[in-house]
Each structure stands twice: as structure tokens, then as C-alpha cells.
Amino acid sequence: MYYCARKGCNKEVTPDELKALPGIKCSHCGYRILYKKRPGVIKRIKAN
């Protein structure tokens, strides 16, 4: 999942919606900066 970086929009964009449009842009407002949503799981790595 991705979400739009425009302050007023912030809509979620699915990868299927990105494939339908030419180029990478928000399917709602047309803004070209998208952020990838991070998973809710936190990875913990033991340091030596």
C-alpha cells in the first residue's frame, strides 16, 4: 500500500491503481509523490 504525500489528500493507493495509470501518481489528486506504508511489525535484531 502507498499513500499520497499531498497534505489535503492522504488517500491510500493500491499497487493495482498504480498499474492502471501511466507513470506514478495518486489516482485521486494526480500528485506525483507517494510514500510506501510500513508494516506494523517491528523487527528486533540482537546486537553483539
PDB file of N, CA and C in Angstrom:
ATOM      1  N   MET A   1       0.833  -1.177   0.000  1.00  0.00           N
ATOM      2  CA  MET A   1       0.000   0.000   0.000  1.00  0.00           C
ATOM      3  C   MET A   1       0.884   1.248   0.000  1.00  0.00           C
ATOM      4  N   TYR A   2       0.409   2.248  -0.678  1.00  0.00           N
ATOM      5  CA  TYR A   2       1.075   3.549  -0.733  1.00  0.00           C
ATOM      6  C   TYR A   2       0.062   4.610  -0.321  1.00  0.00           C
ATOM      7  N   TYR A   3       0.552   5.766   0.098  1.00  0.00           N
ATOM      8  CA  TYR A   3      -0.354   6.872   0.372  1.00  0.00           C
ATOM      9  C   TYR A   3       0.226   8.169  -0.168  1.00  0.00           C
ATOM     10  N   CYS A   4      -0.662   9.054  -0.536  1.00  0.00           N
ATOM     11  CA  CYS A   4      -0.300  10.312  -1.176  1.00  0.00           C
ATOM     12  C   CYS A   4       0.378  11.250  -0.177  1.00  0.00           C
ATOM     13  N   ALA A   5       1.375  11.998  -0.639  1.00  0.00           N
ATOM     14  CA  ALA A   5       2.117  12.913   0.216  1.00  0.00           C
ATOM     15  C   ALA A   5       1.487  14.297   0.293  1.00  0.00           C
ATOM     16  N   ARG A   6       0.506  14.589  -0.549  1.00  0.00           N
ATOM     17  CA  ARG A   6      -0.142  15.893  -0.522  1.00  0.00           C
ATOM     18  C   ARG A   6      -0.910  16.047   0.786  1.00  0.00           C
ATOM     19  N   LYS A   7      -0.776  17.203   1.422  1.00  0.00           N
ATOM     20  CA  LYS A   7      -1.323  17.420   2.751  1.00  0.00           C
ATOM     21  C   LYS A   7      -2.841  17.254   2.813  1.00  0.00           C
ATOM     22  N   GLY A   8      -3.568  17.717   1.848  1.00  0.00           N
ATOM     23  CA  GLY A   8      -5.020  17.631   1.880  1.00  0.00           C
ATOM     24  C   GLY A   8      -5.569  16.292   1.420  1.00  0.00           C
ATOM     25  N   CYS A   9      -4.780  15.513   0.703  1.00  0.00           N
ATOM     26  CA  CYS A   9      -5.267  14.261   0.108  1.00  0.00           C
ATOM     27  C   CYS A   9      -5.087  13.072   1.065  1.00  0.00           C
ATOM     28  N   ASN A  10      -3.861  12.629   1.271  1.00  0.00           N
ATOM     29  CA  ASN A  10      -3.514  11.493   2.141  1.00  0.00           C
ATOM     30  C   ASN A  10      -4.327  10.234   1.858  1.00  0.00           C
ATOM     31  N   LYS A  11      -4.730  10.003   0.610  1.00  0.00           N
ATOM     32  CA  LYS A  11      -5.502   8.816   0.246  1.00  0.00           C
ATOM     33  C   LYS A  11      -4.567   7.632   0.035  1.00  0.00           C
ATOM     34  N   GLU A  12      -5.059   6.435   0.341  1.00  0.00           N
ATOM     35  CA  GLU A  12      -4.286   5.232   0.097  1.00  0.00           C
ATOM     36  C   GLU A  12      -4.429   4.832  -1.374  1.00  0.00           C
ATOM     37  N   VAL A  13      -3.315   4.401  -1.965  1.00  0.00           N
ATOM     38  CA  VAL A  13      -3.290   3.989  -3.361  1.00  0.00           C
ATOM     39  C   VAL A  13      -2.775   2.559  -3.412  1.00  0.00           C
ATOM     40  N   THR A  14      -3.516   1.671  -4.049  1.00  0.00           N
ATOM     41  CA  THR A  14      -3.105   0.276  -4.151  1.00  0.00           C
ATOM     42  C   THR A  14      -2.166   0.100  -5.350  1.00  0.00           C
ATOM     43  N   PRO A  15      -1.367  -0.964  -5.339  1.00  0.00           N
ATOM     44  CA  PRO A  15      -0.488  -1.226  -6.490  1.00  0.00           C
ATOM     45  C   PRO A  15      -1.271  -1.442  -7.787  1.00  0.00           C
ATOM     46  N   ASP A  16      -2.490  -1.975  -7.700  1.00  0.00           N
ATOM     47  CA  ASP A  16      -3.309  -2.156  -8.902  1.00  0.00           C
ATOM     48  C   ASP A  16      -3.702  -0.817  -9.514  1.00  0.00           C
ATOM     49  N   GLU A  17      -4.000   0.173  -8.677  1.00  0.00           N
ATOM     50  CA  GLU A  17      -4.326   1.514  -9.175  1.00  0.00           C
ATOM     51  C   GLU A  17      -3.110   2.155  -9.831  1.00  0.00           C
ATOM     52  N   LEU A  18      -1.905   1.883  -9.298  1.00  0.00           N
ATOM     53  CA  LEU A  18      -0.683   2.441  -9.891  1.00  0.00           C
ATOM     54  C   LEU A  18      -0.425   1.850 -11.273  1.00  0.00           C
ATOM     55  N   LYS A  19      -0.745   0.562 -11.452  1.00  0.00           N
ATOM     56  CA  LYS A  19      -0.531  -0.075 -12.751  1.00  0.00           C
ATOM     57  C   LYS A  19      -1.485   0.474 -13.808  1.00  0.00           C
ATOM     58  N   ALA A  20      -2.670   0.901 -13.385  1.00  0.00           N
ATOM     59  CA  ALA A  20      -3.677   1.394 -14.332  1.00  0.00           C
ATOM     60  C   ALA A  20      -3.321   2.773 -14.886  1.00  0.00           C
ATOM     61  N   LEU A  21      -2.598   3.579 -14.120  1.00  0.00           N
ATOM     62  CA  LEU A  21      -2.253   4.936 -14.547  1.00  0.00           C
ATOM     63  C   LEU A  21      -0.893   4.967 -15.237  1.00  0.00           C
ATOM     64  N   PRO A  22      -0.711   5.836 -16.215  1.00  0.00           N
ATOM     65  CA  PRO A  22       0.624   5.996 -16.805  1.00  0.00           C
ATOM     66  C   PRO A  22       1.518   6.787 -15.852  1.00  0.00           C
ATOM     67  N   GLY A  23       2.650   6.229 -15.483  1.00  0.00           N
ATOM     68  CA  GLY A  23       3.544   6.888 -14.540  1.00  0.00           C
ATOM     69  C   GLY A  23       3.106   6.633 -13.110  1.00  0.00           C
ATOM     70  N   ILE A  24       3.828   7.205 -12.175  1.00  0.00           N
ATOM     71  CA  ILE A  24       3.499   7.032 -10.762  1.00  0.00           C
ATOM     72  C   ILE A  24       2.874   8.311 -10.256  1.00  0.00           C
ATOM     73  N   LYS A  25       1.596   8.225  -9.901  1.00  0.00           N
ATOM     74  CA  LYS A  25       0.912   9.378  -9.322  1.00  0.00           C
ATOM     75  C   LYS A  25      -0.336   8.915  -8.587  1.00  0.00           C
ATOM     76  N   CYS A  26      -0.837   9.782  -7.731  1.00  0.00           N
ATOM     77  CA  CYS A  26      -2.034   9.497  -6.949  1.00  0.00           C
ATOM     78  C   CYS A  26      -3.240   9.396  -7.881  1.00  0.00           C
ATOM     79  N   SER A  27      -4.055   8.370  -7.675  1.00  0.00           N
ATOM     80  CA  SER A  27      -5.228   8.185  -8.529  1.00  0.00           C
ATOM     81  C   SER A  27      -6.354   9.155  -8.181  1.00  0.00           C
ATOM     82  N   HIS A  28      -6.254   9.829  -7.031  1.00  0.00           N
ATOM     83  CA  HIS A  28      -7.304  10.754  -6.602  1.00  0.00           C
ATOM     84  C   HIS A  28      -7.018  12.197  -7.002  1.00  0.00           C
ATOM     85  N   CYS A  29      -5.770  12.658  -6.737  1.00  0.00           N
ATOM     86  CA  CYS A  29      -5.472  14.073  -6.993  1.00  0.00           C
ATOM     87  C   CYS A  29      -4.408  14.289  -8.077  1.00  0.00           C
ATOM     88  N   GLY A  30      -3.673  13.231  -8.471  1.00  0.00           N
ATOM     89  CA  GLY A  30      -2.659  13.365  -9.509  1.00  0.00           C
ATOM     90  C   GLY A  30      -1.288  13.788  -9.001  1.00  0.00           C
ATOM     91  N   TYR A  31      -1.121  13.904  -7.692  1.00  0.00           N
ATOM     92  CA  TYR A  31       0.170  14.281  -7.106  1.00  0.00           C
ATOM     93  C   TYR A  31       1.180  13.169  -7.349  1.00  0.00           C
ATOM     94  N   ARG A  32       2.448  13.512  -7.606  1.00  0.00           N
ATOM     95  CA  ARG A  32       3.435  12.526  -8.029  1.00  0.00           C
ATOM     96  C   ARG A  32       4.341  12.004  -6.920  1.00  0.00           C
ATOM     97  N   ILE A  33       4.099  12.380  -5.676  1.00  0.00           N
ATOM     98  CA  ILE A  33       4.919  11.878  -4.572  1.00  0.00           C
ATOM     99  C   ILE A  33       4.063  10.961  -3.713  1.00  0.00           C
ATOM    100  N   LEU A  34       4.505   9.695  -3.607  1.00  0.00           N
ATOM    101  CA  LEU A  34       3.795   8.696  -2.811  1.00  0.00           C
ATOM    102  C   LEU A  34       4.758   8.104  -1.793  1.00  0.00           C
ATOM    103  N   TYR A  35       4.250   7.773  -0.618  1.00  0.00           N
ATOM    104  CA  TYR A  35       5.027   7.103   0.410  1.00  0.00           C
ATOM    105  C   TYR A  35       4.549   5.673   0.537  1.00  0.00           C
ATOM    106  N   LYS A  36       5.484   4.751   0.775  1.00  0.00           N
ATOM    107  CA  LYS A  36       5.111   3.364   0.980  1.00  0.00           C
ATOM    108  C   LYS A  36       4.769   3.167   2.450  1.00  0.00           C
ATOM    109  N   LYS A  37       3.651   2.516   2.695  1.00  0.00           N
ATOM    110  CA  LYS A  37       3.200   2.281   4.060  1.00  0.00           C
ATOM    111  C   LYS A  37       4.050   1.179   4.679  1.00  0.00           C
ATOM    112  N   ARG A  38       4.522   1.408   5.884  1.00  0.00           N
ATOM    113  CA  ARG A  38       5.348   0.428   6.570  1.00  0.00           C
ATOM    114  C   ARG A  38       4.470  -0.604   7.277  1.00  0.00           C
ATOM    115  N   PRO A  39       4.975  -1.830   7.421  1.00  0.00           N
ATOM    116  CA  PRO A  39       4.204  -2.834   8.154  1.00  0.00           C
ATOM    117  C   PRO A  39       4.178  -2.505   9.641  1.00  0.00           C
ATOM    118  N   GLY A  40       3.168  -2.992  10.341  1.00  0.00           N
ATOM    119  CA  GLY A  40       3.028  -2.708  11.766  1.00  0.00           C
ATOM    120  C   GLY A  40       3.944  -3.529  12.651  1.00  0.00           C
ATOM    121  N   VAL A  41       4.640  -4.514  12.078  1.00  0.00           N
ATOM    122  CA  VAL A  41       5.507  -5.398  12.845  1.00  0.00           C
ATOM    123  C   VAL A  41       6.888  -4.757  12.989  1.00  0.00           C
ATOM    124  N   ILE A  42       7.416  -4.763  14.204  1.00  0.00           N
ATOM    125  CA  ILE A  42       8.748  -4.212  14.461  1.00  0.00           C
ATOM    126  C   ILE A  42       9.725  -5.366  14.540  1.00  0.00           C
ATOM    127  N   LYS A  43      10.785  -5.298  13.719  1.00  0.00           N
ATOM    128  CA  LYS A  43      11.814  -6.333  13.773  1.00  0.00           C
ATOM    129  C   LYS A  43      12.833  -5.961  14.826  1.00  0.00           C
ATOM    130  N   ARG A  44      13.183  -6.935  15.645  1.00  0.00           N
ATOM    131  CA  ARG A  44      14.212  -6.711  16.666  1.00  0.00           C
ATOM    132  C   ARG A  44      15.384  -7.636  16.367  1.00  0.00           C
ATOM    133  N   ILE A  45      16.570  -7.051  16.280  1.00  0.00           N
ATOM    134  CA  ILE A  45      17.784  -7.807  15.985  1.00  0.00           C
ATOM    135  C   ILE A  45      18.716  -7.638  17.155  1.00  0.00           C
ATOM    136  N   LYS A  46      19.205  -8.771  17.664  1.00  0.00           N
ATOM    137  CA  LYS A  46      20.109  -8.737  18.817  1.00  0.00           C
ATOM    138  C   LYS A  46      21.514  -8.316  18.362  1.00  0.00           C
ATOM    139  N   ALA A  47      22.044  -7.279  19.001  1.00  0.00           N
ATOM    140  CA  ALA A  47      23.388  -6.793  18.678  1.00  0.00           C
ATOM    141  C   ALA A  47      24.406  -7.445  19.622  1.00  0.00           C
ATOM    142  N   ASN A  48      25.542  -7.748  19.090  1.00  0.00           N
ATOM    143  CA  ASN A  48      26.584  -8.365  19.910  1.00  0.00           C
ATOM    144  C   ASN A  48      27.571  -7.356  20.389  1.00  0.00           C
TER     145      ASN A  48
END
